Amino acid sequence: MLLFETQLALIEHLKHISNSKTTIGFVPTMGALHEGHLSLIENSLKNNSITIVSVFVNPTQFNNPEDLEKYPRTLESDLLKLESLNESIIVYAPNVDDVYEGKTVSNQFDFDGLENQMEGKFRPGHFDGVGTIVKLLFEIIKPTNAYFGEKDFQQLQIIKKLVEKFILPINVISCPIFREKNGLAMSSRNERLSPNERQSAAIIYKTLLDVKSKFNSESVAEIKKWVAQIFENQIDFKLDYFEIAEEATLMPCKEINPSKKYRAFIAVFVNNIRLIDTVSLN
């Protein structure tokens, strides 16, 4: 398995091993790899000549310095997981200066309002940071196909919009959420939970499943009130937001239109560790 720490070395290597028929699959990660990441990588391995995985904790998408500081960094174990999966994987694990070339700031983006909902409301500047790093990585790697999980559904929609706006010749491929046995969506942040917290956090997915069962029989206002009450009764949990929104625009739903697709979105703090999840409702 090849590891590159600089973009110049990676670009030079790709020039030597690719041609007009080569397809490059790309899975961007912030490390602390879990089965969800590995499923994206397996998808890429099956469908591309070359698979590249980036491992980079991007500072510009964190609006909370403490969250950035505590984000798990496990490069050594990540590399072992990747090597056991497939020795042909190419890893790009740069430092901040290599990616940002000494100017660690976000560009500003207009994603047609997708950036103003949910995560955008509660994490100012987050999607400018996401857009900045993804565009930089796309420019370095020039992938044919890029793979993203549906857990970060808002991010997925924004990256599709990024590709559309900048007319990038990249297919953005969405992959299903991987879950732990209790239903908790797999996330690198799960590693910061205690065993009891990790088990108790199953209530997040259970709540979303209950929302799905209520969706066709109760109003959106009633459902939102019910979700708020659920988490008011959980001592170690704090609801950051719960929203039912249109899949295409991410605009909040007030009344259900049978011709539109909707998703439920949730963000919850478990003793200051922030977890998100989503489910399709129809």
C-alpha atoms as a PDB file:
ATOM      1  CA  MET A   1       0.000   0.000   0.000  1.00  0.00           C
ATOM      2  CA  LEU A   2       1.306   3.437  -0.942  1.00  0.00           C
ATOM      3  CA  LEU A   3       1.152   6.397   1.449  1.00  0.00           C
ATOM      4  CA  PHE A   4       1.661   9.953   0.211  1.00  0.00           C
ATOM      5  CA  GLU A   5       2.031  12.912   2.532  1.00  0.00           C
ATOM      6  CA  THR A   6       2.383  15.608  -0.133  1.00  0.00           C
ATOM      7  CA  GLN A   7       0.148  16.480  -3.043  1.00  0.00           C
ATOM      8  CA  LEU A   8       3.105  16.908  -5.414  1.00  0.00           C
ATOM      9  CA  ALA A   9       4.275  13.330  -4.819  1.00  0.00           C
ATOM     10  CA  LEU A  10       0.735  11.988  -5.236  1.00  0.00           C
ATOM     11  CA  ILE A  11       0.106  13.929  -8.449  1.00  0.00           C
ATOM     12  CA  GLU A  12       3.410  12.756  -9.910  1.00  0.00           C
ATOM     13  CA  HIS A  13       2.615   9.132  -9.071  1.00  0.00           C
ATOM     14  CA  LEU A  14      -0.858   9.360 -10.635  1.00  0.00           C
ATOM     15  CA  LYS A  15       0.655  10.724 -13.853  1.00  0.00           C
ATOM     16  CA  HIS A  16       2.757   7.575 -14.160  1.00  0.00           C
ATOM     17  CA  ILE A  17       0.039   4.998 -13.432  1.00  0.00           C
ATOM     18  CA  SER A  18      -3.014   6.446 -15.191  1.00  0.00           C
ATOM     19  CA  ASN A  19      -4.141   6.929 -18.780  1.00  0.00           C
ATOM     20  CA  SER A  20      -7.298   7.967 -20.626  1.00  0.00           C
ATOM     21  CA  LYS A  21      -9.048   4.701 -19.679  1.00  0.00           C
ATOM     22  CA  THR A  22      -8.125   4.781 -15.978  1.00  0.00           C
ATOM     23  CA  THR A  23     -10.938   5.405 -13.524  1.00  0.00           C
ATOM     24  CA  ILE A  24     -10.079   6.851 -10.132  1.00  0.00           C
ATOM     25  CA  GLY A  25     -12.338   6.247  -7.152  1.00  0.00           C
ATOM     26  CA  PHE A  26     -11.926   8.629  -4.235  1.00  0.00           C
ATOM     27  CA  VAL A  27     -13.084   8.326  -0.622  1.00  0.00           C
ATOM     28  CA  PRO A  28     -12.336  11.440   1.456  1.00  0.00           C
ATOM     29  CA  THR A  29     -12.203  10.783   5.215  1.00  0.00           C
ATOM     30  CA  MET A  30     -11.086  12.465   8.417  1.00  0.00           C
ATOM     31  CA  GLY A  31      -9.700   9.176   9.674  1.00  0.00           C
ATOM     32  CA  ALA A  32     -10.731   7.083  12.696  1.00  0.00           C
ATOM     33  CA  LEU A  33     -11.982   4.655  10.076  1.00  0.00           C
ATOM     34  CA  HIS A  34     -14.943   2.365  10.793  1.00  0.00           C
ATOM     35  CA  GLU A  35     -17.011  -0.127   8.803  1.00  0.00           C
ATOM     36  CA  GLY A  36     -18.989   2.667   7.184  1.00  0.00           C
ATOM     37  CA  HIS A  37     -15.815   4.117   5.683  1.00  0.00           C
ATOM     38  CA  LEU A  38     -14.635   0.661   4.654  1.00  0.00           C
ATOM     39  CA  SER A  39     -17.915   0.004   2.820  1.00  0.00           C
ATOM     40  CA  LEU A  40     -17.385   3.175   0.745  1.00  0.00           C
ATOM     41  CA  ILE A  41     -13.846   2.055  -0.047  1.00  0.00           C
ATOM     42  CA  GLU A  42     -15.019  -1.439  -1.033  1.00  0.00           C
ATOM     43  CA  ASN A  43     -17.528   0.148  -3.390  1.00  0.00           C
ATOM     44  CA  SER A  44     -14.724   2.139  -4.988  1.00  0.00           C
ATOM     45  CA  LEU A  45     -12.429  -0.883  -5.261  1.00  0.00           C
ATOM     46  CA  LYS A  46     -15.099  -2.829  -7.146  1.00  0.00           C
ATOM     47  CA  ASN A  47     -15.796  -0.093  -9.666  1.00  0.00           C
ATOM     48  CA  ASN A  48     -12.521   1.738 -10.370  1.00  0.00           C
ATOM     49  CA  SER A  49      -9.005   1.060 -11.666  1.00  0.00           C
ATOM     50  CA  ILE A  50      -7.465   3.022  -8.777  1.00  0.00           C
ATOM     51  CA  THR A  51      -8.829   3.803  -5.301  1.00  0.00           C
ATOM     52  CA  ILE A  52      -7.513   6.736  -3.280  1.00  0.00           C
ATOM     53  CA  VAL A  53      -8.422   7.390   0.357  1.00  0.00           C
ATOM     54  CA  SER A  54      -7.580  10.713   1.973  1.00  0.00           C
ATOM     55  CA  VAL A  55      -7.077  10.895   5.736  1.00  0.00           C
ATOM     56  CA  PHE A  56      -7.191  14.533   6.786  1.00  0.00           C
ATOM     57  CA  VAL A  57      -8.859  16.302   9.719  1.00  0.00           C
ATOM     58  CA  ASN A  58      -9.931  19.523   8.045  1.00  0.00           C
ATOM     59  CA  PRO A  59      -9.660  22.484  10.437  1.00  0.00           C
ATOM     60  CA  THR A  60     -11.797  24.900   8.416  1.00  0.00           C
ATOM     61  CA  GLN A  61     -15.022  22.919   8.863  1.00  0.00           C
ATOM     62  CA  PHE A  62     -14.885  23.012  12.678  1.00  0.00           C
ATOM     63  CA  ASN A  63     -16.601  25.991  14.265  1.00  0.00           C
ATOM     64  CA  ASN A  64     -15.844  24.565  17.731  1.00  0.00           C
ATOM     65  CA  PRO A  65     -12.075  24.543  18.549  1.00  0.00           C
ATOM     66  CA  GLU A  66     -12.586  21.941  21.302  1.00  0.00           C
ATOM     67  CA  ASP A  67     -14.275  19.582  18.830  1.00  0.00           C
ATOM     68  CA  LEU A  68     -11.314  19.945  16.452  1.00  0.00           C
ATOM     69  CA  GLU A  69      -8.822  19.310  19.251  1.00  0.00           C
ATOM     70  CA  LYS A  70     -10.628  16.196  20.485  1.00  0.00           C
ATOM     71  CA  TYR A  71     -11.422  14.720  17.078  1.00  0.00           C
ATOM     72  CA  PRO A  72      -9.843  11.227  17.034  1.00  0.00           C
ATOM     73  CA  ARG A  73      -6.618  10.915  15.049  1.00  0.00           C
ATOM     74  CA  THR A  74      -5.668   7.279  14.530  1.00  0.00           C
ATOM     75  CA  LEU A  75      -3.572   7.206  11.354  1.00  0.00           C
ATOM     76  CA  GLU A  76      -1.527   4.151  12.319  1.00  0.00           C
ATOM     77  CA  SER A  77      -4.565   1.945  12.934  1.00  0.00           C
ATOM     78  CA  ASP A  78      -6.328   3.456   9.890  1.00  0.00           C
ATOM     79  CA  LEU A  79      -3.446   2.371   7.676  1.00  0.00           C
ATOM     80  CA  LEU A  80      -3.582  -1.165   9.074  1.00  0.00           C
ATOM     81  CA  LYS A  81      -7.315  -1.363   8.313  1.00  0.00           C
ATOM     82  CA  LEU A  82      -6.776  -0.120   4.776  1.00  0.00           C
ATOM     83  CA  GLU A  83      -3.895  -2.491   4.130  1.00  0.00           C
ATOM     84  CA  SER A  84      -5.928  -5.472   5.363  1.00  0.00           C
ATOM     85  CA  LEU A  85      -8.791  -4.421   3.104  1.00  0.00           C
ATOM     86  CA  ASN A  86      -6.696  -4.136  -0.060  1.00  0.00           C
ATOM     87  CA  GLU A  87      -2.982  -3.492  -0.542  1.00  0.00           C
ATOM     88  CA  SER A  88      -3.599  -1.583  -3.778  1.00  0.00           C
ATOM     89  CA  ILE A  89      -5.283   1.359  -1.993  1.00  0.00           C
ATOM     90  CA  ILE A  90      -3.413   4.658  -2.288  1.00  0.00           C
ATOM     91  CA  VAL A  91      -3.540   6.839   0.833  1.00  0.00           C
ATOM     92  CA  TYR A  92      -3.139  10.609   0.882  1.00  0.00           C
ATOM     93  CA  ALA A  93      -2.484  11.756   4.476  1.00  0.00           C
ATOM     94  CA  PRO A  94      -1.150  15.305   4.265  1.00  0.00           C
ATOM     95  CA  ASN A  95      -0.564  17.975   6.878  1.00  0.00           C
ATOM     96  CA  VAL A  96      -2.549  21.203   6.864  1.00  0.00           C
ATOM     97  CA  ASP A  97       0.097  23.259   5.071  1.00  0.00           C
ATOM     98  CA  ASP A  98       0.368  20.778   2.221  1.00  0.00           C
ATOM     99  CA  VAL A  99      -3.348  21.022   1.457  1.00  0.00           C
ATOM    100  CA  TYR A 100      -3.877  24.713   2.140  1.00  0.00           C
ATOM    101  CA  GLU A 101      -0.391  25.828   1.049  1.00  0.00           C
ATOM    102  CA  GLY A 102       0.040  28.053   4.104  1.00  0.00           C
ATOM    103  CA  LYS A 103      -3.348  29.786   3.898  1.00  0.00           C
ATOM    104  CA  THR A 104      -5.738  27.868   6.163  1.00  0.00           C
ATOM    105  CA  VAL A 105      -8.958  29.737   5.465  1.00  0.00           C
ATOM    106  CA  SER A 106     -12.265  28.842   3.855  1.00  0.00           C
ATOM    107  CA  ASN A 107     -13.573  30.169   0.594  1.00  0.00           C
ATOM    108  CA  GLN A 108     -17.175  31.361   0.592  1.00  0.00           C
ATOM    109  CA  PHE A 109     -19.724  29.369  -1.386  1.00  0.00           C
ATOM    110  CA  ASP A 110     -23.295  29.781  -2.555  1.00  0.00           C
ATOM    111  CA  PHE A 111     -24.966  26.385  -2.597  1.00  0.00           C
ATOM    112  CA  ASP A 112     -28.393  27.778  -3.522  1.00  0.00           C
ATOM    113  CA  GLY A 113     -29.522  27.831   0.093  1.00  0.00           C
ATOM    114  CA  LEU A 114     -28.641  24.212   0.934  1.00  0.00           C
ATOM    115  CA  GLU A 115     -25.949  25.555   3.263  1.00  0.00           C
ATOM    116  CA  ASN A 116     -28.398  27.607   5.351  1.00  0.00           C
ATOM    117  CA  GLN A 117     -30.432  24.728   6.766  1.00  0.00           C
ATOM    118  CA  MET A 118     -29.822  22.475   9.783  1.00  0.00           C
ATOM    119  CA  GLU A 119     -26.054  21.970  10.118  1.00  0.00           C
ATOM    120  CA  GLY A 120     -25.518  25.331   8.447  1.00  0.00           C
ATOM    121  CA  LYS A 121     -27.697  27.075  11.029  1.00  0.00           C
ATOM    122  CA  PHE A 122     -26.050  25.426  14.006  1.00  0.00           C
ATOM    123  CA  ARG A 123     -22.443  25.339  12.759  1.00  0.00           C
ATOM    124  CA  PRO A 124     -21.632  28.726  11.177  1.00  0.00           C
ATOM    125  CA  GLY A 125     -19.062  28.466   8.388  1.00  0.00           C
ATOM    126  CA  HIS A 126     -19.121  24.670   8.423  1.00  0.00           C
ATOM    127  CA  PHE A 127     -20.114  24.185   4.794  1.00  0.00           C
ATOM    128  CA  ASP A 128     -17.690  26.820   3.547  1.00  0.00           C
ATOM    129  CA  GLY A 129     -15.010  24.643   5.154  1.00  0.00           C
ATOM    130  CA  VAL A 130     -16.463  21.471   3.636  1.00  0.00           C
ATOM    131  CA  GLY A 131     -16.732  23.050   0.189  1.00  0.00           C
ATOM    132  CA  THR A 132     -13.178  24.385   0.411  1.00  0.00           C
ATOM    133  CA  ILE A 133     -11.532  21.086   1.348  1.00  0.00           C
ATOM    134  CA  VAL A 134     -13.568  18.911  -1.010  1.00  0.00           C
ATOM    135  CA  LYS A 135     -12.862  21.225  -3.956  1.00  0.00           C
ATOM    136  CA  LEU A 136      -9.131  21.243  -3.101  1.00  0.00           C
ATOM    137  CA  LEU A 137      -9.039  17.442  -2.856  1.00  0.00           C
ATOM    138  CA  PHE A 138     -10.971  17.068  -6.106  1.00  0.00           C
ATOM    139  CA  GLU A 139      -8.459  19.365  -7.833  1.00  0.00           C
ATOM    140  CA  ILE A 140      -5.502  17.376  -6.475  1.00  0.00           C
ATOM    141  CA  ILE A 141      -6.867  13.884  -7.152  1.00  0.00           C
ATOM    142  CA  LYS A 142      -9.179  14.485 -10.144  1.00  0.00           C
ATOM    143  CA  PRO A 143     -11.358  11.461  -9.376  1.00  0.00           C
ATOM    144  CA  THR A 144     -13.797   9.833 -11.766  1.00  0.00           C
ATOM    145  CA  ASN A 145     -16.070   8.783  -8.903  1.00  0.00           C
ATOM    146  CA  ALA A 146     -16.256  10.117  -5.342  1.00  0.00           C
ATOM    147  CA  TYR A 147     -18.023   8.209  -2.562  1.00  0.00           C
ATOM    148  CA  PHE A 148     -19.927   9.697   0.373  1.00  0.00           C
ATOM    149  CA  GLY A 149     -22.178   8.193   3.055  1.00  0.00           C
ATOM    150  CA  GLU A 150     -25.820   9.221   3.480  1.00  0.00           C
ATOM    151  CA  LYS A 151     -25.398   9.869   7.209  1.00  0.00           C
ATOM    152  CA  ASP A 152     -24.124  13.322   6.250  1.00  0.00           C
ATOM    153  CA  PHE A 153     -27.009  13.772   3.810  1.00  0.00           C
ATOM    154  CA  GLN A 154     -26.880  17.570   3.826  1.00  0.00           C
ATOM    155  CA  GLN A 155     -23.156  17.432   3.078  1.00  0.00           C
ATOM    156  CA  LEU A 156     -23.871  14.940   0.273  1.00  0.00           C
ATOM    157  CA  GLN A 157     -26.374  17.325  -1.347  1.00  0.00           C
ATOM    158  CA  ILE A 158     -23.940  20.226  -1.006  1.00  0.00           C
ATOM    159  CA  ILE A 159     -21.107  18.291  -2.652  1.00  0.00           C
ATOM    160  CA  LYS A 160     -23.410  17.399  -5.548  1.00  0.00           C
ATOM    161  CA  LYS A 161     -24.203  21.111  -5.843  1.00  0.00           C
ATOM    162  CA  LEU A 162     -20.455  21.930  -5.726  1.00  0.00           C
ATOM    163  CA  VAL A 163     -19.810  19.576  -8.640  1.00  0.00           C
ATOM    164  CA  GLU A 164     -22.739  21.075 -10.552  1.00  0.00           C
ATOM    165  CA  LYS A 165     -21.734  24.709  -9.942  1.00  0.00           C
ATOM    166  CA  PHE A 166     -18.081  24.264 -10.871  1.00  0.00           C
ATOM    167  CA  ILE A 167     -18.888  21.859 -13.738  1.00  0.00           C
ATOM    168  CA  LEU A 168     -16.538  19.199 -12.383  1.00  0.00           C
ATOM    169  CA  PRO A 169     -16.377  15.897 -14.333  1.00  0.00           C
ATOM    170  CA  ILE A 170     -16.951  13.811 -11.205  1.00  0.00           C
ATOM    171  CA  ASN A 171     -19.706  11.358 -10.303  1.00  0.00           C
ATOM    172  CA  VAL A 172     -20.779  11.808  -6.678  1.00  0.00           C
ATOM    173  CA  ILE A 173     -21.985   8.429  -5.433  1.00  0.00           C
ATOM    174  CA  SER A 174     -24.066   8.124  -2.270  1.00  0.00           C
ATOM    175  CA  CYS A 175     -23.812   4.996  -0.126  1.00  0.00           C
ATOM    176  CA  PRO A 176     -26.137   3.713   2.635  1.00  0.00           C
ATOM    177  CA  ILE A 177     -25.585   4.441   6.319  1.00  0.00           C
ATOM    178  CA  PHE A 178     -23.743   1.703   8.219  1.00  0.00           C
ATOM    179  CA  ARG A 179     -25.067   1.144  11.731  1.00  0.00           C
ATOM    180  CA  GLU A 180     -23.873  -0.533  14.894  1.00  0.00           C
ATOM    181  CA  LYS A 181     -25.874  -3.485  16.221  1.00  0.00           C
ATOM    182  CA  ASN A 182     -28.067  -1.191  18.313  1.00  0.00           C
ATOM    183  CA  GLY A 183     -28.841   1.044  15.322  1.00  0.00           C
ATOM    184  CA  LEU A 184     -26.475   3.897  16.163  1.00  0.00           C
ATOM    185  CA  ALA A 185     -25.102   5.392  12.940  1.00  0.00           C
ATOM    186  CA  MET A 186     -21.395   4.644  12.646  1.00  0.00           C
ATOM    187  CA  SER A 187     -19.279   7.743  13.176  1.00  0.00           C
ATOM    188  CA  SER A 188     -15.699   8.501  14.128  1.00  0.00           C
ATOM    189  CA  ARG A 189     -17.116  10.471  17.061  1.00  0.00           C
ATOM    190  CA  ASN A 190     -18.601   7.260  18.484  1.00  0.00           C
ATOM    191  CA  GLU A 191     -15.073   6.420  19.658  1.00  0.00           C
ATOM    192  CA  ARG A 192     -15.339   9.232  22.207  1.00  0.00           C
ATOM    193  CA  LEU A 193     -18.465   7.728  23.814  1.00  0.00           C
ATOM    194  CA  SER A 194     -18.271   5.572  26.924  1.00  0.00           C
ATOM    195  CA  PRO A 195     -19.680   2.029  26.545  1.00  0.00           C
ATOM    196  CA  ASN A 196     -22.846   3.096  28.396  1.00  0.00           C
ATOM    197  CA  GLU A 197     -23.245   6.225  26.283  1.00  0.00           C
ATOM    198  CA  ARG A 198     -22.734   4.226  23.126  1.00  0.00           C
ATOM    199  CA  GLN A 199     -25.488   1.838  24.124  1.00  0.00           C
ATOM    200  CA  SER A 200     -27.857   4.582  25.288  1.00  0.00           C
ATOM    201  CA  ALA A 201     -27.336   6.497  22.016  1.00  0.00           C
ATOM    202  CA  ALA A 202     -29.455   3.844  20.303  1.00  0.00           C
ATOM    203  CA  ILE A 203     -32.390   6.084  21.247  1.00  0.00           C
ATOM    204  CA  ILE A 204     -31.427   8.438  18.395  1.00  0.00           C
ATOM    205  CA  TYR A 205     -32.132   5.906  15.641  1.00  0.00           C
ATOM    206  CA  LYS A 206     -35.121   4.447  17.512  1.00  0.00           C
ATOM    207  CA  THR A 207     -36.624   7.944  17.648  1.00  0.00           C
ATOM    208  CA  LEU A 208     -36.135   8.383  13.901  1.00  0.00           C
ATOM    209  CA  LEU A 209     -37.837   5.046  13.210  1.00  0.00           C
ATOM    210  CA  ASP A 210     -40.765   6.120  15.392  1.00  0.00           C
ATOM    211  CA  VAL A 211     -40.910   9.408  13.463  1.00  0.00           C
ATOM    212  CA  LYS A 212     -41.129   7.413  10.243  1.00  0.00           C
ATOM    213  CA  SER A 213     -44.080   5.426  11.579  1.00  0.00           C
ATOM    214  CA  LYS A 214     -45.841   8.638  12.658  1.00  0.00           C
ATOM    215  CA  PHE A 215     -45.137  10.524   9.427  1.00  0.00           C
ATOM    216  CA  ASN A 216     -48.297   9.557   7.546  1.00  0.00           C
ATOM    217  CA  SER A 217     -50.676   9.896  10.493  1.00  0.00           C
ATOM    218  CA  GLU A 218     -49.513  12.936  12.502  1.00  0.00           C
ATOM    219  CA  SER A 219     -48.698  16.531  11.628  1.00  0.00           C
ATOM    220  CA  VAL A 220     -45.120  17.744  11.368  1.00  0.00           C
ATOM    221  CA  ALA A 221     -45.695  20.081  14.332  1.00  0.00           C
ATOM    222  CA  GLU A 222     -46.954  17.191  16.483  1.00  0.00           C
ATOM    223  CA  ILE A 223     -43.986  15.025  15.535  1.00  0.00           C
ATOM    224  CA  LYS A 224     -41.468  17.780  16.318  1.00  0.00           C
ATOM    225  CA  LYS A 225     -43.067  18.389  19.707  1.00  0.00           C
ATOM    226  CA  TRP A 226     -42.970  14.657  20.476  1.00  0.00           C
ATOM    227  CA  VAL A 227     -39.256  14.401  19.565  1.00  0.00           C
ATOM    228  CA  ALA A 228     -38.416  17.391  21.777  1.00  0.00           C
ATOM    229  CA  GLN A 229     -40.203  15.714  24.713  1.00  0.00           C
ATOM    230  CA  ILE A 230     -38.307  12.464  24.159  1.00  0.00           C
ATOM    231  CA  PHE A 231     -34.952  14.177  24.652  1.00  0.00           C
ATOM    232  CA  GLU A 232     -36.116  16.430  27.473  1.00  0.00           C
ATOM    233  CA  ASN A 233     -36.502  13.213  29.460  1.00  0.00           C
ATOM    234  CA  GLN A 234     -32.964  11.966  28.694  1.00  0.00           C
ATOM    235  CA  ILE A 235     -30.495  13.228  31.322  1.00  0.00           C
ATOM    236  CA  ASP A 236     -27.288  12.790  29.306  1.00  0.00           C
ATOM    237  CA  PHE A 237     -28.747  13.924  25.969  1.00  0.00           C
ATOM    238  CA  LYS A 238     -29.360  17.391  24.585  1.00  0.00           C
ATOM    239  CA  LEU A 239     -31.281  17.851  21.342  1.00  0.00           C
ATOM    240  CA  ASP A 240     -29.453  20.309  19.068  1.00  0.00           C
ATOM    241  CA  TYR A 241     -32.103  20.158  16.356  1.00  0.00           C
ATOM    242  CA  PHE A 242     -34.708  17.921  14.798  1.00  0.00           C
ATOM    243  CA  GLU A 243     -36.088  18.709  11.350  1.00  0.00           C
ATOM    244  CA  ILE A 244     -38.265  17.183   8.675  1.00  0.00           C
ATOM    245  CA  ALA A 245     -37.146  18.557   5.323  1.00  0.00           C
ATOM    246  CA  GLU A 246     -37.501  18.046   1.585  1.00  0.00           C
ATOM    247  CA  GLU A 247     -34.713  15.859   0.231  1.00  0.00           C
ATOM    248  CA  ALA A 248     -34.040  17.998  -2.839  1.00  0.00           C
ATOM    249  CA  THR A 249     -34.001  21.481  -1.284  1.00  0.00           C
ATOM    250  CA  LEU A 250     -33.521  20.660   2.420  1.00  0.00           C
ATOM    251  CA  MET A 251     -36.233  23.226   3.142  1.00  0.00           C
ATOM    252  CA  PRO A 252     -38.198  22.508   6.349  1.00  0.00           C
ATOM    253  CA  CYS A 253     -41.510  20.773   5.822  1.00  0.00           C
ATOM    254  CA  LYS A 254     -44.598  22.413   7.320  1.00  0.00           C
ATOM    255  CA  GLU A 255     -47.259  20.461   5.482  1.00  0.00           C
ATOM    256  CA  ILE A 256     -46.671  17.130   3.762  1.00  0.00           C
ATOM    257  CA  ASN A 257     -46.898  17.134  -0.037  1.00  0.00           C
ATOM    258  CA  PRO A 258     -47.365  13.536  -1.268  1.00  0.00           C
ATOM    259  CA  SER A 259     -45.435  14.306  -4.472  1.00  0.00           C
ATOM    260  CA  LYS A 260     -42.240  15.248  -2.590  1.00  0.00           C
ATOM    261  CA  LYS A 261     -39.617  13.150  -0.807  1.00  0.00           C
ATOM    262  CA  TYR A 262     -38.828  13.957   2.807  1.00  0.00           C
ATOM    263  CA  ARG A 263     -36.187  13.020   5.363  1.00  0.00           C
ATOM    264  CA  ALA A 264     -35.940  13.372   9.121  1.00  0.00           C
ATOM    265  CA  PHE A 265     -32.693  14.935  10.369  1.00  0.00           C
ATOM    266  CA  ILE A 266     -31.431  15.008  13.934  1.00  0.00           C
ATOM    267  CA  ALA A 267     -28.391  16.253  15.855  1.00  0.00           C
ATOM    268  CA  VAL A 268     -27.932  15.325  19.517  1.00  0.00           C
ATOM    269  CA  PHE A 269     -25.252  16.039  22.099  1.00  0.00           C
ATOM    270  CA  VAL A 270     -24.303  13.108  24.328  1.00  0.00           C
ATOM    271  CA  ASN A 271     -22.242  14.751  27.099  1.00  0.00           C
ATOM    272  CA  ASN A 272     -20.845  17.311  24.617  1.00  0.00           C
ATOM    273  CA  ILE A 273     -20.208  14.734  21.874  1.00  0.00           C
ATOM    274  CA  ARG A 274     -22.321  15.686  18.864  1.00  0.00           C
ATOM    275  CA  LEU A 275     -23.987  12.916  16.848  1.00  0.00           C
ATOM    276  CA  ILE A 276     -26.135  13.237  13.726  1.00  0.00           C
ATOM    277  CA  ASP A 277     -28.454  10.850  11.898  1.00  0.00           C
ATOM    278  CA  THR A 278     -31.118  10.825   9.214  1.00  0.00           C
ATOM    279  CA  VAL A 279     -33.763   8.546   7.701  1.00  0.00           C
ATOM    280  CA  SER A 280     -35.887   8.722   4.579  1.00  0.00           C
ATOM    281  CA  LEU A 281     -39.557   9.103   5.420  1.00  0.00           C
ATOM    282  CA  ASN A 282     -41.293   8.150   2.150  1.00  0.00           C
END
